[in-house]
Amino acid sequence: VQLQASGGGLVQAGDSLRLSCAASGRTFSSYNMAWFRQAPGKEREFVASINWSSGTTDYADSVKGRFTVSRDNAKNTVYLQMNSLRPEDTAVYYCAGKLGPGSLYSGSYYSHWGQGTLVTVSS
């Protein structure tokens, strides 16, 4: 089972970026998928989640209205479209997958993790 995150880079404040998380090795149709991020010196935090089957989404307050999470079933890929980026969005972004009960907002309940992709937003 593998999650491969990509799409990070260096952008300016106000720019957009799209992250991808390609899933392989099993069927993720019953999973909740999420994006977390960890900024330097800070704890990992929840960004957004999507239920692969229903498409139900959830977002952290800090990204609502700016970020959109989606999935492409045919490509087995989850995306995070990030618009109006701010310097405080600078972090390593991780995709993760969870099956079963447990909080969507806590990384402790996620059993599958991608390797992370760095997003740097300059002011």
C-alpha atoms as a PDB file:
ATOM      1  CA  VAL A   1       0.000   0.000   0.000  1.00  0.00           C
ATOM      2  CA  GLN A   2       1.466   3.303  -1.080  1.00  0.00           C
ATOM      3  CA  LEU A   3       0.484   6.966  -1.053  1.00  0.00           C
ATOM      4  CA  GLN A   4       2.609   9.197  -3.242  1.00  0.00           C
ATOM      5  CA  ALA A   5       2.236  12.937  -2.682  1.00  0.00           C
ATOM      6  CA  SER A   6       3.455  15.475  -5.203  1.00  0.00           C
ATOM      7  CA  GLY A   7       2.916  19.006  -6.452  1.00  0.00           C
ATOM      8  CA  GLY A   8       4.632  21.115  -3.833  1.00  0.00           C
ATOM      9  CA  GLY A   9       6.849  24.033  -4.670  1.00  0.00           C
ATOM     10  CA  LEU A  10       7.766  27.650  -4.076  1.00  0.00           C
ATOM     11  CA  VAL A  11       5.074  30.207  -4.849  1.00  0.00           C
ATOM     12  CA  GLN A  12       4.236  33.778  -3.940  1.00  0.00           C
ATOM     13  CA  ALA A  13       1.438  34.877  -1.676  1.00  0.00           C
ATOM     14  CA  GLY A  14      -1.856  34.875  -3.567  1.00  0.00           C
ATOM     15  CA  ASP A  15      -0.774  32.141  -5.971  1.00  0.00           C
ATOM     16  CA  SER A  16      -2.350  28.719  -6.413  1.00  0.00           C
ATOM     17  CA  LEU A  17      -0.966  25.221  -6.242  1.00  0.00           C
ATOM     18  CA  ARG A  18      -2.462  21.761  -6.639  1.00  0.00           C
ATOM     19  CA  LEU A  19      -1.187  18.802  -4.662  1.00  0.00           C
ATOM     20  CA  SER A  20      -1.785  15.230  -5.765  1.00  0.00           C
ATOM     21  CA  CYS A  21      -1.840  12.015  -3.765  1.00  0.00           C
ATOM     22  CA  ALA A  22      -1.697   8.869  -5.866  1.00  0.00           C
ATOM     23  CA  ALA A  23      -2.868   5.734  -4.069  1.00  0.00           C
ATOM     24  CA  SER A  24      -1.767   2.264  -5.075  1.00  0.00           C
ATOM     25  CA  GLY A  25      -1.640  -1.242  -3.752  1.00  0.00           C
ATOM     26  CA  ARG A  26      -5.254  -1.640  -2.733  1.00  0.00           C
ATOM     27  CA  THR A  27      -8.738  -0.273  -3.209  1.00  0.00           C
ATOM     28  CA  PHE A  28      -9.322   2.888  -1.209  1.00  0.00           C
ATOM     29  CA  SER A  29     -13.040   3.139  -1.911  1.00  0.00           C
ATOM     30  CA  SER A  30     -13.951   2.678   1.768  1.00  0.00           C
ATOM     31  CA  TYR A  31     -11.320   5.060   3.070  1.00  0.00           C
ATOM     32  CA  ASN A  32     -11.372   8.556   4.394  1.00  0.00           C
ATOM     33  CA  MET A  33      -8.469  10.432   2.854  1.00  0.00           C
ATOM     34  CA  ALA A  34      -6.982  13.560   4.337  1.00  0.00           C
ATOM     35  CA  TRP A  35      -4.305  16.178   3.986  1.00  0.00           C
ATOM     36  CA  PHE A  36      -2.288  17.216   6.990  1.00  0.00           C
ATOM     37  CA  ARG A  37       0.520  19.713   7.182  1.00  0.00           C
ATOM     38  CA  GLN A  38       3.417  20.434   9.467  1.00  0.00           C
ATOM     39  CA  ALA A  39       5.127  23.788   9.551  1.00  0.00           C
ATOM     40  CA  PRO A  40       8.657  24.203  10.947  1.00  0.00           C
ATOM     41  CA  GLY A  41       8.584  24.097  14.707  1.00  0.00           C
ATOM     42  CA  LYS A  42       4.881  23.340  14.833  1.00  0.00           C
ATOM     43  CA  GLU A  43       2.759  20.272  15.345  1.00  0.00           C
ATOM     44  CA  ARG A  44       1.108  18.472  12.493  1.00  0.00           C
ATOM     45  CA  GLU A  45      -2.380  19.788  11.791  1.00  0.00           C
ATOM     46  CA  PHE A  46      -5.416  18.651   9.874  1.00  0.00           C
ATOM     47  CA  VAL A  47      -6.101  20.506   6.630  1.00  0.00           C
ATOM     48  CA  ALA A  48      -8.892  18.720   4.751  1.00  0.00           C
ATOM     49  CA  SER A  49     -10.504  15.337   4.302  1.00  0.00           C
ATOM     50  CA  ILE A  50     -12.674  13.534   1.797  1.00  0.00           C
ATOM     51  CA  ASN A  51     -14.610  10.301   2.015  1.00  0.00           C
ATOM     52  CA  TRP A  52     -13.598   8.355  -1.039  1.00  0.00           C
ATOM     53  CA  SER A  53     -16.976   6.711  -1.446  1.00  0.00           C
ATOM     54  CA  SER A  54     -19.398   9.560  -0.716  1.00  0.00           C
ATOM     55  CA  GLY A  55     -17.210  12.522  -1.586  1.00  0.00           C
ATOM     56  CA  THR A  56     -18.074  14.216   1.702  1.00  0.00           C
ATOM     57  CA  THR A  57     -15.467  16.826   2.548  1.00  0.00           C
ATOM     58  CA  ASP A  58     -14.308  18.678   5.636  1.00  0.00           C
ATOM     59  CA  TYR A  59     -11.848  21.510   6.126  1.00  0.00           C
ATOM     60  CA  ALA A  60      -9.880  23.242   8.812  1.00  0.00           C
ATOM     61  CA  ASP A  61     -11.193  26.736   9.485  1.00  0.00           C
ATOM     62  CA  SER A  62      -7.882  28.222   8.390  1.00  0.00           C
ATOM     63  CA  VAL A  63      -8.289  26.940   4.812  1.00  0.00           C
ATOM     64  CA  LYS A  64     -12.053  27.057   4.288  1.00  0.00           C
ATOM     65  CA  GLY A  65     -12.943  28.958   1.154  1.00  0.00           C
ATOM     66  CA  ARG A  66      -9.371  28.757  -0.164  1.00  0.00           C
ATOM     67  CA  PHE A  67      -8.605  25.031  -0.402  1.00  0.00           C
ATOM     68  CA  THR A  68     -10.621  22.329  -2.119  1.00  0.00           C
ATOM     69  CA  VAL A  69     -10.116  18.585  -1.704  1.00  0.00           C
ATOM     70  CA  SER A  70     -11.326  16.226  -4.408  1.00  0.00           C
ATOM     71  CA  ARG A  71     -10.727  12.742  -5.731  1.00  0.00           C
ATOM     72  CA  ASP A  72     -10.562  11.031  -9.091  1.00  0.00           C
ATOM     73  CA  ASN A  73     -11.735   7.455  -8.727  1.00  0.00           C
ATOM     74  CA  ALA A  74     -10.445   6.390 -12.119  1.00  0.00           C
ATOM     75  CA  LYS A  75      -6.946   7.612 -11.300  1.00  0.00           C
ATOM     76  CA  ASN A  76      -7.049   6.570  -7.636  1.00  0.00           C
ATOM     77  CA  THR A  77      -5.833  10.051  -6.799  1.00  0.00           C
ATOM     78  CA  VAL A  78      -6.808  12.673  -4.248  1.00  0.00           C
ATOM     79  CA  TYR A  79      -6.123  16.350  -4.907  1.00  0.00           C
ATOM     80  CA  LEU A  80      -5.766  19.463  -2.802  1.00  0.00           C
ATOM     81  CA  GLN A  81      -6.347  22.635  -4.773  1.00  0.00           C
ATOM     82  CA  MET A  82      -4.877  25.534  -2.831  1.00  0.00           C
ATOM     83  CA  ASN A  83      -5.819  29.073  -3.841  1.00  0.00           C
ATOM     84  CA  SER A  84      -4.965  32.450  -2.337  1.00  0.00           C
ATOM     85  CA  LEU A  85      -1.947  30.970  -0.633  1.00  0.00           C
ATOM     86  CA  ARG A  86      -0.500  32.773   2.364  1.00  0.00           C
ATOM     87  CA  PRO A  87       2.946  32.637   3.963  1.00  0.00           C
ATOM     88  CA  GLU A  88       1.375  30.842   6.930  1.00  0.00           C
ATOM     89  CA  ASP A  89       0.429  27.969   4.588  1.00  0.00           C
ATOM     90  CA  THR A  90       4.129  27.131   4.303  1.00  0.00           C
ATOM     91  CA  ALA A  91       4.559  23.547   5.487  1.00  0.00           C
ATOM     92  CA  VAL A  92       5.227  19.985   4.470  1.00  0.00           C
ATOM     93  CA  TYR A  93       1.922  18.564   3.306  1.00  0.00           C
ATOM     94  CA  TYR A  94       1.099  14.904   3.825  1.00  0.00           C
ATOM     95  CA  CYS A  95      -1.712  12.819   2.469  1.00  0.00           C
ATOM     96  CA  ALA A  96      -3.098  10.055   4.632  1.00  0.00           C
ATOM     97  CA  GLY A  97      -5.704   7.316   4.535  1.00  0.00           C
ATOM     98  CA  LYS A  98      -7.974   6.002   7.276  1.00  0.00           C
ATOM     99  CA  LEU A  99     -10.345   3.065   7.402  1.00  0.00           C
ATOM    100  CA  GLY A 100     -12.876   2.653  10.172  1.00  0.00           C
ATOM    101  CA  PRO A 101     -13.839   4.749  13.201  1.00  0.00           C
ATOM    102  CA  GLY A 102     -11.881   7.499  14.835  1.00  0.00           C
ATOM    103  CA  SER A 103     -11.544  11.218  14.453  1.00  0.00           C
ATOM    104  CA  LEU A 104     -10.935  12.577  10.976  1.00  0.00           C
ATOM    105  CA  TYR A 105      -8.926  15.386  12.506  1.00  0.00           C
ATOM    106  CA  SER A 106      -6.314  13.352  14.343  1.00  0.00           C
ATOM    107  CA  GLY A 107      -3.421  11.853  12.457  1.00  0.00           C
ATOM    108  CA  SER A 108      -3.270   9.059  15.033  1.00  0.00           C
ATOM    109  CA  TYR A 109      -6.202   7.305  13.357  1.00  0.00           C
ATOM    110  CA  TYR A 110      -4.629   7.250   9.907  1.00  0.00           C
ATOM    111  CA  SER A 111      -2.802   4.072   8.985  1.00  0.00           C
ATOM    112  CA  HIS A 112      -1.407   5.052   5.602  1.00  0.00           C
ATOM    113  CA  TRP A 113       0.794   8.076   4.934  1.00  0.00           C
ATOM    114  CA  GLY A 114       2.492   9.596   1.944  1.00  0.00           C
ATOM    115  CA  GLN A 115       6.018  10.940   2.115  1.00  0.00           C
ATOM    116  CA  GLY A 116       5.122  14.628   2.204  1.00  0.00           C
ATOM    117  CA  THR A 117       5.597  17.452  -0.245  1.00  0.00           C
ATOM    118  CA  LEU A 118       6.955  20.882   0.682  1.00  0.00           C
ATOM    119  CA  VAL A 119       4.933  24.004   0.004  1.00  0.00           C
ATOM    120  CA  THR A 120       6.690  27.329   0.505  1.00  0.00           C
ATOM    121  CA  VAL A 121       4.773  30.565   0.160  1.00  0.00           C
ATOM    122  CA  SER A 122       6.807  33.744   0.029  1.00  0.00           C
ATOM    123  CA  SER A 123       5.400  37.130   0.997  1.00  0.00           C
END
